[in-house]
Amino acid sequence: MTISPDNDNTEDAMVFIIIGKAYERDGDEEGIDIHVMLRAPDDDSAVREALNALAEEGFLEADLDQIGTLSGAPEDEPHASAYQGALEGEVAIIRFA
């Protein structure tokens, strides 16, 4: 028998993609283009988890421009691997340098 907590929303969680720029240094004007992929129950939770993950990776600031959900797995890398990681509970940060 499996018992799950009442507030367990993993079955309702969606895979989000968040697009923006992240900054590693104060005064960094250009920043790094990023895509963040993760699983979350709603967009507020997705944004909060994305910002926490970016902070853990050493980013000081982020401008998140777009958020959306993915209805299926992307075919091209690195998004395909990031999507799989998101399904497994990871927060995937794709950097475009």
N, C-alpha and C. Protein backbone atom coordinates (compact mmCIF):
# COMPACT_ATOMS: atom_id res chain seq x y z
N MET A 1 0.84 -1.17 0.00
CA MET A 1 0.00 0.00 0.00
C MET A 1 0.89 1.24 0.00
N THR A 2 0.54 2.23 -0.83
CA THR A 2 1.29 3.47 -0.90
C THR A 2 0.46 4.59 -0.29
N ILE A 3 1.07 5.33 0.60
CA ILE A 3 0.39 6.46 1.23
C ILE A 3 1.10 7.72 0.80
N SER A 4 0.34 8.68 0.30
CA SER A 4 0.94 9.95 -0.10
C SER A 4 0.25 11.07 0.67
N PRO A 5 0.99 12.12 0.97
CA PRO A 5 0.40 13.24 1.71
C PRO A 5 -0.70 13.93 0.91
N ASP A 6 -1.64 14.53 1.64
CA ASP A 6 -2.75 15.25 1.01
C ASP A 6 -2.29 16.38 0.11
N ASN A 7 -1.17 16.99 0.43
CA ASN A 7 -0.71 18.14 -0.35
C ASN A 7 0.27 17.72 -1.45
N ASP A 8 0.33 16.43 -1.78
CA ASP A 8 1.22 15.94 -2.84
C ASP A 8 0.60 16.27 -4.20
N ASN A 9 1.20 17.23 -4.91
CA ASN A 9 0.66 17.68 -6.19
C ASN A 9 1.46 17.16 -7.37
N THR A 10 2.27 16.12 -7.18
CA THR A 10 3.14 15.68 -8.26
C THR A 10 2.36 15.15 -9.45
N GLU A 11 1.20 14.54 -9.21
CA GLU A 11 0.41 14.04 -10.34
C GLU A 11 -0.14 15.18 -11.18
N ASP A 12 -0.40 16.31 -10.55
CA ASP A 12 -0.95 17.47 -11.25
C ASP A 12 0.14 18.38 -11.80
N ALA A 13 1.39 18.08 -11.50
CA ALA A 13 2.49 18.95 -11.91
C ALA A 13 2.66 18.92 -13.43
N MET A 14 3.03 20.08 -13.96
CA MET A 14 3.29 20.23 -15.38
C MET A 14 4.77 20.55 -15.58
N VAL A 15 5.26 20.33 -16.79
CA VAL A 15 6.63 20.71 -17.10
C VAL A 15 6.60 22.12 -17.68
N PHE A 16 7.28 23.02 -17.00
CA PHE A 16 7.35 24.42 -17.40
C PHE A 16 8.67 24.70 -18.08
N ILE A 17 8.65 25.65 -18.99
CA ILE A 17 9.88 26.21 -19.54
C ILE A 17 9.82 27.71 -19.27
N ILE A 18 10.90 28.22 -18.71
CA ILE A 18 11.00 29.64 -18.39
C ILE A 18 12.20 30.18 -19.17
N ILE A 19 11.97 31.27 -19.89
CA ILE A 19 13.00 31.87 -20.74
C ILE A 19 13.38 33.22 -20.18
N GLY A 20 14.68 33.50 -20.12
CA GLY A 20 15.12 34.79 -19.61
C GLY A 20 16.61 34.97 -19.73
N LYS A 21 17.11 35.89 -18.91
CA LYS A 21 18.55 36.18 -18.82
C LYS A 21 18.95 36.10 -17.35
N ALA A 22 20.14 35.59 -17.12
CA ALA A 22 20.66 35.51 -15.76
C ALA A 22 22.02 36.20 -15.71
N TYR A 23 22.33 36.74 -14.55
CA TYR A 23 23.54 37.56 -14.38
C TYR A 23 24.38 36.97 -13.25
N GLU A 24 25.67 36.75 -13.56
CA GLU A 24 26.59 36.17 -12.58
C GLU A 24 27.35 37.21 -11.76
N ARG A 25 27.45 38.44 -12.28
CA ARG A 25 28.22 39.49 -11.58
C ARG A 25 27.39 40.77 -11.51
N ASP A 26 27.63 41.54 -10.45
CA ASP A 26 27.01 42.87 -10.35
C ASP A 26 27.48 43.72 -11.51
N GLY A 27 26.57 44.45 -12.10
CA GLY A 27 26.92 45.34 -13.19
C GLY A 27 27.06 44.64 -14.53
N ASP A 28 26.83 43.33 -14.56
CA ASP A 28 26.89 42.58 -15.81
C ASP A 28 25.70 42.99 -16.66
N GLU A 29 25.97 43.71 -17.74
CA GLU A 29 24.88 44.25 -18.56
C GLU A 29 24.34 43.26 -19.58
N GLU A 30 25.17 42.34 -20.06
CA GLU A 30 24.74 41.42 -21.10
C GLU A 30 24.00 40.22 -20.53
N GLY A 31 24.50 39.63 -19.51
CA GLY A 31 23.87 38.45 -18.94
C GLY A 31 24.00 37.25 -19.86
N ILE A 32 23.43 36.14 -19.41
CA ILE A 32 23.46 34.89 -20.15
C ILE A 32 22.03 34.50 -20.47
N ASP A 33 21.75 34.21 -21.74
CA ASP A 33 20.42 33.72 -22.11
C ASP A 33 20.25 32.34 -21.51
N ILE A 34 19.09 32.10 -20.89
CA ILE A 34 18.82 30.82 -20.23
C ILE A 34 17.43 30.32 -20.57
N HIS A 35 17.28 29.02 -20.50
CA HIS A 35 15.99 28.35 -20.46
C HIS A 35 16.04 27.47 -19.22
N VAL A 36 14.99 27.53 -18.42
CA VAL A 36 14.90 26.69 -17.23
C VAL A 36 13.70 25.77 -17.43
N MET A 37 13.92 24.48 -17.26
CA MET A 37 12.84 23.51 -17.39
C MET A 37 12.69 22.77 -16.07
N LEU A 38 11.44 22.68 -15.59
CA LEU A 38 11.18 22.03 -14.32
C LEU A 38 9.72 21.62 -14.23
N ARG A 39 9.45 20.76 -13.29
CA ARG A 39 8.09 20.30 -13.05
C ARG A 39 7.56 21.00 -11.81
N ALA A 40 6.35 21.55 -11.91
CA ALA A 40 5.75 22.27 -10.79
C ALA A 40 4.22 22.24 -10.93
N PRO A 41 3.50 22.45 -9.82
CA PRO A 41 2.04 22.41 -9.88
C PRO A 41 1.42 23.67 -10.50
N ASP A 42 2.15 24.80 -10.46
CA ASP A 42 1.61 26.04 -11.01
C ASP A 42 2.75 26.98 -11.36
N ASP A 43 2.42 28.07 -12.07
CA ASP A 43 3.48 28.97 -12.55
C ASP A 43 4.18 29.70 -11.41
N ASP A 44 3.49 30.06 -10.35
CA ASP A 44 4.15 30.72 -9.22
C ASP A 44 5.22 29.82 -8.60
N SER A 45 4.87 28.55 -8.41
CA SER A 45 5.84 27.60 -7.86
C SER A 45 7.00 27.40 -8.81
N ALA A 46 6.72 27.36 -10.11
CA ALA A 46 7.77 27.18 -11.11
C ALA A 46 8.77 28.33 -11.07
N VAL A 47 8.26 29.55 -11.00
CA VAL A 47 9.14 30.72 -10.95
C VAL A 47 9.98 30.70 -9.68
N ARG A 48 9.37 30.40 -8.56
CA ARG A 48 10.10 30.36 -7.29
C ARG A 48 11.20 29.30 -7.32
N GLU A 49 10.88 28.10 -7.83
CA GLU A 49 11.87 27.03 -7.91
C GLU A 49 12.99 27.37 -8.89
N ALA A 50 12.63 28.01 -10.00
CA ALA A 50 13.65 28.41 -10.99
C ALA A 50 14.62 29.42 -10.39
N LEU A 51 14.09 30.42 -9.69
CA LEU A 51 14.95 31.43 -9.08
C LEU A 51 15.86 30.81 -8.01
N ASN A 52 15.33 29.88 -7.23
CA ASN A 52 16.16 29.20 -6.23
C ASN A 52 17.28 28.41 -6.89
N ALA A 53 16.96 27.70 -7.97
CA ALA A 53 17.98 26.91 -8.68
C ALA A 53 19.05 27.81 -9.29
N LEU A 54 18.63 28.95 -9.86
CA LEU A 54 19.59 29.89 -10.43
C LEU A 54 20.51 30.44 -9.35
N ALA A 55 19.96 30.75 -8.18
CA ALA A 55 20.77 31.25 -7.07
C ALA A 55 21.78 30.18 -6.63
N GLU A 56 21.34 28.93 -6.58
CA GLU A 56 22.24 27.84 -6.19
C GLU A 56 23.38 27.67 -7.19
N GLU A 57 23.15 28.03 -8.44
CA GLU A 57 24.18 27.93 -9.48
C GLU A 57 25.08 29.17 -9.53
N GLY A 58 24.84 30.12 -8.63
CA GLY A 58 25.72 31.28 -8.52
C GLY A 58 25.25 32.53 -9.24
N PHE A 59 24.06 32.50 -9.79
CA PHE A 59 23.54 33.71 -10.44
C PHE A 59 23.03 34.68 -9.37
N LEU A 60 23.36 35.95 -9.55
CA LEU A 60 22.95 36.97 -8.59
C LEU A 60 21.58 37.55 -8.89
N GLU A 61 21.21 37.53 -10.17
CA GLU A 61 19.97 38.17 -10.59
C GLU A 61 19.47 37.47 -11.86
N ALA A 62 18.16 37.55 -12.09
CA ALA A 62 17.60 36.98 -13.32
C ALA A 62 16.41 37.81 -13.77
N ASP A 63 16.29 37.97 -15.07
CA ASP A 63 15.11 38.58 -15.69
C ASP A 63 14.39 37.46 -16.42
N LEU A 64 13.25 37.05 -15.90
CA LEU A 64 12.48 35.98 -16.52
C LEU A 64 11.44 36.60 -17.42
N ASP A 65 11.55 36.34 -18.72
CA ASP A 65 10.71 37.02 -19.71
C ASP A 65 9.46 36.26 -20.09
N GLN A 66 9.55 34.95 -20.21
CA GLN A 66 8.42 34.15 -20.66
C GLN A 66 8.33 32.87 -19.84
N ILE A 67 7.09 32.40 -19.65
CA ILE A 67 6.86 31.12 -18.99
C ILE A 67 5.76 30.40 -19.75
N GLY A 68 5.92 29.11 -19.89
CA GLY A 68 4.91 28.31 -20.58
C GLY A 68 5.04 26.86 -20.15
N THR A 69 4.08 26.05 -20.57
CA THR A 69 4.12 24.63 -20.28
C THR A 69 4.38 23.86 -21.56
N LEU A 70 5.00 22.71 -21.41
CA LEU A 70 5.28 21.85 -22.55
C LEU A 70 4.27 20.72 -22.59
N SER A 71 3.71 20.47 -23.74
CA SER A 71 2.70 19.42 -23.87
C SER A 71 3.31 18.08 -24.27
N GLY A 72 4.58 18.08 -24.61
CA GLY A 72 5.26 16.85 -24.98
C GLY A 72 6.75 17.04 -24.95
N ALA A 73 7.45 15.96 -25.12
CA ALA A 73 8.92 16.00 -25.06
C ALA A 73 9.50 16.65 -26.31
N PRO A 74 10.42 17.59 -26.14
CA PRO A 74 11.13 18.16 -27.30
C PRO A 74 12.01 17.09 -27.95
N GLU A 75 12.25 17.24 -29.24
CA GLU A 75 13.07 16.27 -29.96
C GLU A 75 14.54 16.63 -29.96
N ASP A 76 14.86 17.92 -29.92
CA ASP A 76 16.25 18.37 -30.06
C ASP A 76 16.91 18.57 -28.70
N GLU A 77 18.22 18.30 -28.70
CA GLU A 77 19.04 18.56 -27.51
C GLU A 77 19.41 20.03 -27.48
N PRO A 78 19.61 20.63 -26.35
CA PRO A 78 19.66 20.05 -25.01
C PRO A 78 18.29 19.97 -24.34
N HIS A 79 17.25 20.43 -25.02
CA HIS A 79 15.93 20.47 -24.42
C HIS A 79 15.34 19.09 -24.13
N ALA A 80 15.66 18.10 -24.97
CA ALA A 80 15.13 16.75 -24.75
C ALA A 80 15.63 16.18 -23.43
N SER A 81 16.92 16.33 -23.15
CA SER A 81 17.49 15.84 -21.89
C SER A 81 16.96 16.65 -20.71
N ALA A 82 16.83 17.94 -20.89
CA ALA A 82 16.31 18.80 -19.82
C ALA A 82 14.87 18.42 -19.47
N TYR A 83 14.08 18.12 -20.50
CA TYR A 83 12.69 17.70 -20.28
C TYR A 83 12.66 16.41 -19.47
N GLN A 84 13.50 15.45 -19.84
CA GLN A 84 13.55 14.18 -19.11
C GLN A 84 13.97 14.43 -17.66
N GLY A 85 14.95 15.29 -17.45
CA GLY A 85 15.36 15.64 -16.09
C GLY A 85 14.23 16.27 -15.30
N ALA A 86 13.46 17.15 -15.95
CA ALA A 86 12.33 17.79 -15.27
C ALA A 86 11.29 16.76 -14.86
N LEU A 87 11.03 15.78 -15.72
CA LEU A 87 10.08 14.72 -15.37
C LEU A 87 10.54 13.94 -14.14
N GLU A 88 11.86 13.86 -13.96
CA GLU A 88 12.44 13.14 -12.84
C GLU A 88 12.61 14.01 -11.60
N GLY A 89 12.16 15.27 -11.66
CA GLY A 89 12.20 16.15 -10.50
C GLY A 89 13.36 17.12 -10.46
N GLU A 90 14.18 17.13 -11.48
CA GLU A 90 15.31 18.06 -11.51
C GLU A 90 14.88 19.42 -12.06
N VAL A 91 15.67 20.43 -11.75
CA VAL A 91 15.51 21.73 -12.37
C VAL A 91 16.68 21.86 -13.35
N ALA A 92 16.36 21.89 -14.64
CA ALA A 92 17.39 21.95 -15.67
C ALA A 92 17.59 23.40 -16.12
N ILE A 93 18.83 23.84 -16.09
CA ILE A 93 19.18 25.18 -16.55
C ILE A 93 20.01 25.04 -17.82
N ILE A 94 19.49 25.56 -18.92
CA ILE A 94 20.20 25.53 -20.18
C ILE A 94 20.78 26.91 -20.40
N ARG A 95 22.10 26.98 -20.58
CA ARG A 95 22.78 28.27 -20.80
C ARG A 95 23.13 28.40 -22.28
N PHE A 96 22.94 29.59 -22.82
CA PHE A 96 23.33 29.90 -24.18
C PHE A 96 24.40 30.97 -24.13
N ALA A 97 25.64 30.59 -24.45
CA ALA A 97 26.75 31.53 -24.34
C ALA A 97 27.07 32.13 -25.68
